[in-house]
Amino acid sequence: SLRLSCAASGFTSGFTFWNYGMGWFRQAPGK
């Protein structure tokens, strides 16, 4: 098992992390 984290910062113009849909994507070698 592993646990990945993604820390978000730099929100402006009234936006916060709450306003964002988030996703995880991956890219394997050659794909």
PDB file of all heavy atoms in Angstrom:
ATOM      1  N   SER A   1       0.825  -1.199   0.000  1.00  0.00           N
ATOM      2  CA  SER A   1       0.000   0.000   0.000  1.00  0.00           C
ATOM      3  C   SER A   1       0.864   1.256   0.000  1.00  0.00           C
ATOM      4  O   SER A   1       1.994   1.248   0.492  1.00  0.00           O
ATOM      5  CB  SER A   1      -0.904   0.025   1.244  1.00  0.00           C
ATOM      6  OG  SER A   1      -1.790  -1.066   1.261  1.00  0.00           O
ATOM      7  N   LEU A   2       0.303   2.308  -0.553  1.00  0.00           N
ATOM      8  CA  LEU A   2       0.889   3.643  -0.486  1.00  0.00           C
ATOM      9  C   LEU A   2      -0.235   4.647  -0.347  1.00  0.00           C
ATOM     10  O   LEU A   2      -1.351   4.404  -0.827  1.00  0.00           O
ATOM     11  CB  LEU A   2       1.689   3.967  -1.745  1.00  0.00           C
ATOM     12  CG  LEU A   2       3.091   3.381  -1.909  1.00  0.00           C
ATOM     13  CD1 LEU A   2       3.638   3.740  -3.287  1.00  0.00           C
ATOM     14  CD2 LEU A   2       4.023   3.854  -0.820  1.00  0.00           C
ATOM     15  N   ARG A   3       0.081   5.780   0.258  1.00  0.00           N
ATOM     16  CA  ARG A   3      -0.881   6.873   0.347  1.00  0.00           C
ATOM     17  C   ARG A   3      -0.257   8.114  -0.266  1.00  0.00           C
ATOM     18  O   ARG A   3       0.752   8.617   0.238  1.00  0.00           O
ATOM     19  CB  ARG A   3      -1.266   7.161   1.796  1.00  0.00           C
ATOM     20  CG  ARG A   3      -2.426   8.154   1.928  1.00  0.00           C
ATOM     21  CD  ARG A   3      -2.553   8.649   3.344  1.00  0.00           C
ATOM     22  NE  ARG A   3      -3.847   9.274   3.594  1.00  0.00           N
ATOM     23  CZ  ARG A   3      -4.071  10.120   4.594  1.00  0.00           C
ATOM     24  NH1 ARG A   3      -3.092  10.437   5.424  1.00  0.00           N
ATOM     25  NH2 ARG A   3      -5.273  10.634   4.774  1.00  0.00           N
ATOM     26  N   LEU A   4      -0.857   8.580  -1.332  1.00  0.00           N
ATOM     27  CA  LEU A   4      -0.403   9.798  -1.975  1.00  0.00           C
ATOM     28  C   LEU A   4      -1.147  11.003  -1.403  1.00  0.00           C
ATOM     29  O   LEU A   4      -2.325  10.899  -1.065  1.00  0.00           O
ATOM     30  CB  LEU A   4      -0.630   9.730  -3.484  1.00  0.00           C
ATOM     31  CG  LEU A   4      -0.045   8.529  -4.218  1.00  0.00           C
ATOM     32  CD1 LEU A   4      -0.287   8.675  -5.724  1.00  0.00           C
ATOM     33  CD2 LEU A   4       1.422   8.346  -3.908  1.00  0.00           C
ATOM     34  N   SER A   5      -0.451  12.113  -1.336  1.00  0.00           N
ATOM     35  CA  SER A   5      -1.059  13.371  -0.907  1.00  0.00           C
ATOM     36  C   SER A   5      -0.806  14.433  -1.964  1.00  0.00           C
ATOM     37  O   SER A   5       0.183  14.376  -2.695  1.00  0.00           O
ATOM     38  CB  SER A   5      -0.458  13.838   0.416  1.00  0.00           C
ATOM     39  OG  SER A   5      -0.697  12.910   1.453  1.00  0.00           O
ATOM     40  N   CYS A   6      -1.702  15.402  -2.013  1.00  0.00           N
ATOM     41  CA  CYS A   6      -1.560  16.529  -2.927  1.00  0.00           C
ATOM     42  C   CYS A   6      -1.941  17.785  -2.152  1.00  0.00           C
ATOM     43  O   CYS A   6      -3.114  17.973  -1.812  1.00  0.00           O
ATOM     44  CB  CYS A   6      -2.446  16.345  -4.144  1.00  0.00           C
ATOM     45  SG  CYS A   6      -2.518  17.783  -5.247  1.00  0.00           S
ATOM     46  N   ALA A   7      -0.951  18.618  -1.881  1.00  0.00           N
ATOM     47  CA  ALA A   7      -1.180  19.859  -1.144  1.00  0.00           C
ATOM     48  C   ALA A   7      -1.442  20.999  -2.121  1.00  0.00           C
ATOM     49  O   ALA A   7      -0.651  21.214  -3.045  1.00  0.00           O
ATOM     50  CB  ALA A   7       0.019  20.176  -0.267  1.00  0.00           C
ATOM     51  N   ALA A   8      -2.530  21.708  -1.893  1.00  0.00           N
ATOM     52  CA  ALA A   8      -2.930  22.789  -2.789  1.00  0.00           C
ATOM     53  C   ALA A   8      -2.732  24.143  -2.119  1.00  0.00           C
ATOM     54  O   ALA A   8      -2.979  24.300  -0.920  1.00  0.00           O
ATOM     55  CB  ALA A   8      -4.387  22.612  -3.193  1.00  0.00           C
ATOM     56  N   SER A   9      -2.309  25.122  -2.906  1.00  0.00           N
ATOM     57  CA  SER A   9      -2.117  26.475  -2.389  1.00  0.00           C
ATOM     58  C   SER A   9      -2.242  27.482  -3.528  1.00  0.00           C
ATOM     59  O   SER A   9      -2.386  27.097  -4.684  1.00  0.00           O
ATOM     60  CB  SER A   9      -0.737  26.606  -1.734  1.00  0.00           C
ATOM     61  OG  SER A   9       0.289  26.397  -2.700  1.00  0.00           O
ATOM     62  N   GLY A  10      -2.203  28.782  -3.161  1.00  0.00           N
ATOM     63  CA  GLY A  10      -2.188  29.829  -4.171  1.00  0.00           C
ATOM     64  C   GLY A  10      -3.534  30.247  -4.695  1.00  0.00           C
ATOM     65  O   GLY A  10      -3.628  30.875  -5.744  1.00  0.00           O
ATOM     66  N   PHE A  11      -4.593  29.954  -3.957  1.00  0.00           N
ATOM     67  CA  PHE A  11      -5.920  30.316  -4.422  1.00  0.00           C
ATOM     68  C   PHE A  11      -6.132  31.825  -4.315  1.00  0.00           C
ATOM     69  O   PHE A  11      -5.730  32.441  -3.337  1.00  0.00           O
ATOM     70  CB  PHE A  11      -6.995  29.586  -3.620  1.00  0.00           C
ATOM     71  CG  PHE A  11      -6.894  28.108  -3.737  1.00  0.00           C
ATOM     72  CD1 PHE A  11      -6.270  27.358  -2.754  1.00  0.00           C
ATOM     73  CD2 PHE A  11      -7.395  27.461  -4.848  1.00  0.00           C
ATOM     74  CE1 PHE A  11      -6.161  25.990  -2.871  1.00  0.00           C
ATOM     75  CE2 PHE A  11      -7.289  26.088  -4.984  1.00  0.00           C
ATOM     76  CZ  PHE A  11      -6.672  25.360  -3.982  1.00  0.00           C
ATOM     77  N   THR A  12      -6.785  32.407  -5.318  1.00  0.00           N
ATOM     78  CA  THR A  12      -7.041  33.841  -5.341  1.00  0.00           C
ATOM     79  C   THR A  12      -8.437  34.118  -5.893  1.00  0.00           C
ATOM     80  O   THR A  12      -9.158  33.191  -6.263  1.00  0.00           O
ATOM     81  CB  THR A  12      -6.003  34.575  -6.211  1.00  0.00           C
ATOM     82  OG1 THR A  12      -6.100  34.065  -7.550  1.00  0.00           O
ATOM     83  CG2 THR A  12      -4.596  34.384  -5.691  1.00  0.00           C
ATOM     84  N   SER A  13      -8.789  35.400  -5.923  1.00  0.00           N
ATOM     85  CA  SER A  13     -10.046  35.843  -6.530  1.00  0.00           C
ATOM     86  C   SER A  13     -11.257  35.193  -5.897  1.00  0.00           C
ATOM     87  O   SER A  13     -12.238  34.882  -6.573  1.00  0.00           O
ATOM     88  CB  SER A  13     -10.056  35.568  -8.045  1.00  0.00           C
ATOM     89  OG  SER A  13      -8.965  36.199  -8.662  1.00  0.00           O
ATOM     90  N   GLY A  14     -11.195  34.989  -4.577  1.00  0.00           N
ATOM     91  CA  GLY A  14     -12.340  34.450  -3.883  1.00  0.00           C
ATOM     92  C   GLY A  14     -12.478  32.948  -3.963  1.00  0.00           C
ATOM     93  O   GLY A  14     -13.379  32.367  -3.361  1.00  0.00           O
ATOM     94  N   PHE A  15     -11.629  32.278  -4.724  1.00  0.00           N
ATOM     95  CA  PHE A  15     -11.683  30.826  -4.811  1.00  0.00           C
ATOM     96  C   PHE A  15     -10.913  30.208  -3.653  1.00  0.00           C
ATOM     97  O   PHE A  15      -9.912  30.738  -3.197  1.00  0.00           O
ATOM     98  CB  PHE A  15     -11.069  30.345  -6.133  1.00  0.00           C
ATOM     99  CG  PHE A  15     -11.990  30.475  -7.309  1.00  0.00           C
ATOM    100  CD1 PHE A  15     -12.082  31.673  -8.000  1.00  0.00           C
ATOM    101  CD2 PHE A  15     -12.773  29.419  -7.710  1.00  0.00           C
ATOM    102  CE1 PHE A  15     -12.929  31.800  -9.077  1.00  0.00           C
ATOM    103  CE2 PHE A  15     -13.617  29.537  -8.794  1.00  0.00           C
ATOM    104  CZ  PHE A  15     -13.703  30.724  -9.478  1.00  0.00           C
ATOM    105  N   THR A  16     -11.382  29.056  -3.223  1.00  0.00           N
ATOM    106  CA  THR A  16     -10.664  28.264  -2.238  1.00  0.00           C
ATOM    107  C   THR A  16     -10.645  26.821  -2.726  1.00  0.00           C
ATOM    108  O   THR A  16     -11.265  26.485  -3.733  1.00  0.00           O
ATOM    109  CB  THR A  16     -11.329  28.322  -0.855  1.00  0.00           C
ATOM    110  OG1 THR A  16     -12.594  27.645  -0.925  1.00  0.00           O
ATOM    111  CG2 THR A  16     -11.544  29.757  -0.406  1.00  0.00           C
ATOM    112  N   PHE A  17      -9.977  25.981  -1.974  1.00  0.00           N
ATOM    113  CA  PHE A  17      -9.910  24.563  -2.310  1.00  0.00           C
ATOM    114  C   PHE A  17     -11.319  23.984  -2.388  1.00  0.00           C
ATOM    115  O   PHE A  17     -11.580  23.074  -3.177  1.00  0.00           O
ATOM    116  CB  PHE A  17      -9.062  23.853  -1.263  1.00  0.00           C
ATOM    117  CG  PHE A  17      -8.748  22.421  -1.584  1.00  0.00           C
ATOM    118  CD1 PHE A  17      -8.026  22.084  -2.708  1.00  0.00           C
ATOM    119  CD2 PHE A  17      -9.164  21.406  -0.725  1.00  0.00           C
ATOM    120  CE1 PHE A  17      -7.723  20.760  -2.988  1.00  0.00           C
ATOM    121  CE2 PHE A  17      -8.870  20.080  -0.990  1.00  0.00           C
ATOM    122  CZ  PHE A  17      -8.139  19.761  -2.121  1.00  0.00           C
ATOM    123  N   TRP A  18     -12.221  24.535  -1.588  1.00  0.00           N
ATOM    124  CA  TRP A  18     -13.598  24.068  -1.567  1.00  0.00           C
ATOM    125  C   TRP A  18     -14.270  24.199  -2.935  1.00  0.00           C
ATOM    126  O   TRP A  18     -15.213  23.482  -3.249  1.00  0.00           O
ATOM    127  CB  TRP A  18     -14.417  24.897  -0.570  1.00  0.00           C
ATOM    128  CG  TRP A  18     -14.077  24.705   0.857  1.00  0.00           C
ATOM    129  CD1 TRP A  18     -13.015  25.191   1.543  1.00  0.00           C
ATOM    130  CD2 TRP A  18     -14.865  24.000   1.831  1.00  0.00           C
ATOM    131  NE1 TRP A  18     -13.065  24.823   2.869  1.00  0.00           N
ATOM    132  CE2 TRP A  18     -14.193  24.102   3.073  1.00  0.00           C
ATOM    133  CE3 TRP A  18     -16.063  23.287   1.770  1.00  0.00           C
ATOM    134  CZ2 TRP A  18     -14.687  23.518   4.245  1.00  0.00           C
ATOM    135  CZ3 TRP A  18     -16.564  22.715   2.932  1.00  0.00           C
ATOM    136  CH2 TRP A  18     -15.870  22.832   4.149  1.00  0.00           C
ATOM    137  N   ASN A  19     -13.816  25.137  -3.744  1.00  0.00           N
ATOM    138  CA  ASN A  19     -14.451  25.412  -5.032  1.00  0.00           C
ATOM    139  C   ASN A  19     -13.971  24.502  -6.164  1.00  0.00           C
ATOM    140  O   ASN A  19     -14.439  24.624  -7.288  1.00  0.00           O
ATOM    141  CB  ASN A  19     -14.183  26.854  -5.450  1.00  0.00           C
ATOM    142  CG  ASN A  19     -14.689  27.853  -4.444  1.00  0.00           C
ATOM    143  OD1 ASN A  19     -13.912  28.603  -3.867  1.00  0.00           O
ATOM    144  ND2 ASN A  19     -16.002  27.863  -4.245  1.00  0.00           N
ATOM    145  N   TYR A  20     -13.024  23.614  -5.853  1.00  0.00           N
ATOM    146  CA  TYR A  20     -12.383  22.859  -6.913  1.00  0.00           C
ATOM    147  C   TYR A  20     -12.748  21.372  -6.890  1.00  0.00           C
ATOM    148  O   TYR A  20     -12.707  20.722  -5.846  1.00  0.00           O
ATOM    149  CB  TYR A  20     -10.855  22.982  -6.804  1.00  0.00           C
ATOM    150  CG  TYR A  20     -10.337  24.275  -7.374  1.00  0.00           C
ATOM    151  CD1 TYR A  20     -10.515  25.467  -6.681  1.00  0.00           C
ATOM    152  CD2 TYR A  20      -9.716  24.302  -8.613  1.00  0.00           C
ATOM    153  CE1 TYR A  20     -10.064  26.655  -7.207  1.00  0.00           C
ATOM    154  CE2 TYR A  20      -9.254  25.495  -9.143  1.00  0.00           C
ATOM    155  CZ  TYR A  20      -9.433  26.666  -8.441  1.00  0.00           C
ATOM    156  OH  TYR A  20      -8.992  27.837  -8.970  1.00  0.00           O
ATOM    157  N   GLY A  21     -13.107  20.867  -8.079  1.00  0.00           N
ATOM    158  CA  GLY A  21     -13.145  19.437  -8.271  1.00  0.00           C
ATOM    159  C   GLY A  21     -11.714  18.958  -8.461  1.00  0.00           C
ATOM    160  O   GLY A  21     -10.907  19.653  -9.079  1.00  0.00           O
ATOM    161  N   MET A  22     -11.386  17.803  -7.895  1.00  0.00           N
ATOM    162  CA  MET A  22     -10.013  17.305  -7.931  1.00  0.00           C
ATOM    163  C   MET A  22      -9.958  15.901  -8.505  1.00  0.00           C
ATOM    164  O   MET A  22     -10.937  15.133  -8.407  1.00  0.00           O
ATOM    165  CB  MET A  22      -9.422  17.298  -6.525  1.00  0.00           C
ATOM    166  CG  MET A  22      -9.380  18.658  -5.834  1.00  0.00           C
ATOM    167  SD  MET A  22      -8.312  19.844  -6.660  1.00  0.00           S
ATOM    168  CE  MET A  22      -6.707  19.051  -6.484  1.00  0.00           C
ATOM    169  N   GLY A  23      -8.817  15.574  -9.071  1.00  0.00           N
ATOM    170  CA  GLY A  23      -8.668  14.249  -9.639  1.00  0.00           C
ATOM    171  C   GLY A  23      -7.241  13.748  -9.537  1.00  0.00           C
ATOM    172  O   GLY A  23      -6.297  14.522  -9.341  1.00  0.00           O
ATOM    173  N   TRP A  24      -7.112  12.446  -9.641  1.00  0.00           N
ATOM    174  CA  TRP A  24      -5.810  11.781  -9.767  1.00  0.00           C
ATOM    175  C   TRP A  24      -5.750  11.138 -11.152  1.00  0.00           C
ATOM    176  O   TRP A  24      -6.703  10.469 -11.577  1.00  0.00           O
ATOM    177  CB  TRP A  24      -5.623  10.709  -8.702  1.00  0.00           C
ATOM    178  CG  TRP A  24      -5.360  11.232  -7.327  1.00  0.00           C
ATOM    179  CD1 TRP A  24      -6.256  11.354  -6.316  1.00  0.00           C
ATOM    180  CD2 TRP A  24      -4.111  11.689  -6.805  1.00  0.00           C
ATOM    181  NE1 TRP A  24      -5.653  11.863  -5.198  1.00  0.00           N
ATOM    182  CE2 TRP A  24      -4.329  12.076  -5.467  1.00  0.00           C
ATOM    183  CE3 TRP A  24      -2.819  11.814  -7.337  1.00  0.00           C
ATOM    184  CZ2 TRP A  24      -3.313  12.585  -4.648  1.00  0.00           C
ATOM    185  CZ3 TRP A  24      -1.821  12.317  -6.533  1.00  0.00           C
ATOM    186  CH2 TRP A  24      -2.061  12.704  -5.203  1.00  0.00           C
ATOM    187  N   PHE A  25      -4.632  11.324 -11.799  1.00  0.00           N
ATOM    188  CA  PHE A  25      -4.350  10.700 -13.085  1.00  0.00           C
ATOM    189  C   PHE A  25      -2.975  10.055 -12.994  1.00  0.00           C
ATOM    190  O   PHE A  25      -2.202  10.366 -12.099  1.00  0.00           O
ATOM    191  CB  PHE A  25      -4.367  11.748 -14.209  1.00  0.00           C
ATOM    192  CG  PHE A  25      -5.726  12.344 -14.445  1.00  0.00           C
ATOM    193  CD1 PHE A  25      -6.225  13.347 -13.622  1.00  0.00           C
ATOM    194  CD2 PHE A  25      -6.524  11.897 -15.497  1.00  0.00           C
ATOM    195  CE1 PHE A  25      -7.492  13.893 -13.828  1.00  0.00           C
ATOM    196  CE2 PHE A  25      -7.785  12.434 -15.715  1.00  0.00           C
ATOM    197  CZ  PHE A  25      -8.252  13.426 -14.872  1.00  0.00           C
ATOM    198  N   ARG A  26      -2.682   9.159 -13.915  1.00  0.00           N
ATOM    199  CA  ARG A  26      -1.367   8.528 -13.906  1.00  0.00           C
ATOM    200  C   ARG A  26      -0.879   8.303 -15.336  1.00  0.00           C
ATOM    201  O   ARG A  26      -1.673   8.188 -16.269  1.00  0.00           O
ATOM    202  CB  ARG A  26      -1.401   7.207 -13.151  1.00  0.00           C
ATOM    203  CG  ARG A  26      -2.228   6.108 -13.815  1.00  0.00           C
ATOM    204  CD  ARG A  26      -2.310   4.895 -12.887  1.00  0.00           C
ATOM    205  NE  ARG A  26      -3.064   3.805 -13.508  1.00  0.00           N
ATOM    206  CZ  ARG A  26      -3.374   2.680 -12.869  1.00  0.00           C
ATOM    207  NH1 ARG A  26      -3.003   2.492 -11.607  1.00  0.00           N
ATOM    208  NH2 ARG A  26      -4.064   1.731 -13.497  1.00  0.00           N
ATOM    209  N   GLN A  27       0.431   8.236 -15.449  1.00  0.00           N
ATOM    210  CA  GLN A  27       1.034   7.987 -16.751  1.00  0.00           C
ATOM    211  C   GLN A  27       2.143   6.960 -16.589  1.00  0.00           C
ATOM    212  O   GLN A  27       3.147   7.225 -15.922  1.00  0.00           O
ATOM    213  CB  GLN A  27       1.580   9.266 -17.368  1.00  0.00           C
ATOM    214  CG  GLN A  27       2.072   9.080 -18.785  1.00  0.00           C
ATOM    215  CD  GLN A  27       2.322  10.400 -19.501  1.00  0.00           C
ATOM    216  OE1 GLN A  27       2.486  11.440 -18.877  1.00  0.00           O
ATOM    217  NE2 GLN A  27       2.328  10.357 -20.824  1.00  0.00           N
ATOM    218  N   ALA A  28       1.931   5.814 -17.190  1.00  0.00           N
ATOM    219  CA  ALA A  28       2.930   4.753 -17.176  1.00  0.00           C
ATOM    220  C   ALA A  28       3.930   4.982 -18.307  1.00  0.00           C
ATOM    221  O   ALA A  28       3.612   5.651 -19.294  1.00  0.00           O
ATOM    222  CB  ALA A  28       2.259   3.400 -17.322  1.00  0.00           C
ATOM    223  N   PRO A  29       5.116   4.427 -18.181  1.00  0.00           N
ATOM    224  CA  PRO A  29       6.134   4.606 -19.241  1.00  0.00           C
ATOM    225  C   PRO A  29       5.608   4.162 -20.598  1.00  0.00           C
ATOM    226  O   PRO A  29       5.076   3.055 -20.738  1.00  0.00           O
ATOM    227  CB  PRO A  29       7.284   3.720 -18.773  1.00  0.00           C
ATOM    228  CG  PRO A  29       7.130   3.661 -17.289  1.00  0.00           C
ATOM    229  CD  PRO A  29       5.647   3.670 -17.044  1.00  0.00           C
ATOM    230  N   GLY A  30       5.729   5.046 -21.578  1.00  0.00           N
ATOM    231  CA  GLY A  30       5.326   4.718 -22.927  1.00  0.00           C
ATOM    232  C   GLY A  30       3.832   4.743 -23.182  1.00  0.00           C
ATOM    233  O   GLY A  30       3.381   4.364 -24.270  1.00  0.00           O
ATOM    234  N   LYS A  31       3.070   5.187 -22.197  1.00  0.00           N
ATOM    235  CA  LYS A  31       1.612   5.205 -22.350  1.00  0.00           C
ATOM    236  C   LYS A  31       1.073   6.614 -22.142  1.00  0.00           C
ATOM    237  O   LYS A  31       1.746   7.490 -21.606  1.00  0.00           O
ATOM    238  CB  LYS A  31       0.964   4.237 -21.362  1.00  0.00           C
ATOM    239  CG  LYS A  31       1.315   2.790 -21.600  1.00  0.00           C
ATOM    240  CD  LYS A  31       0.500   1.886 -20.704  1.00  0.00           C
ATOM    241  CE  LYS A  31       0.772   0.413 -20.995  1.00  0.00           C
ATOM    242  NZ  LYS A  31      -0.047  -0.485 -20.123  1.00  0.00           N
TER     243      LYS A  31
END
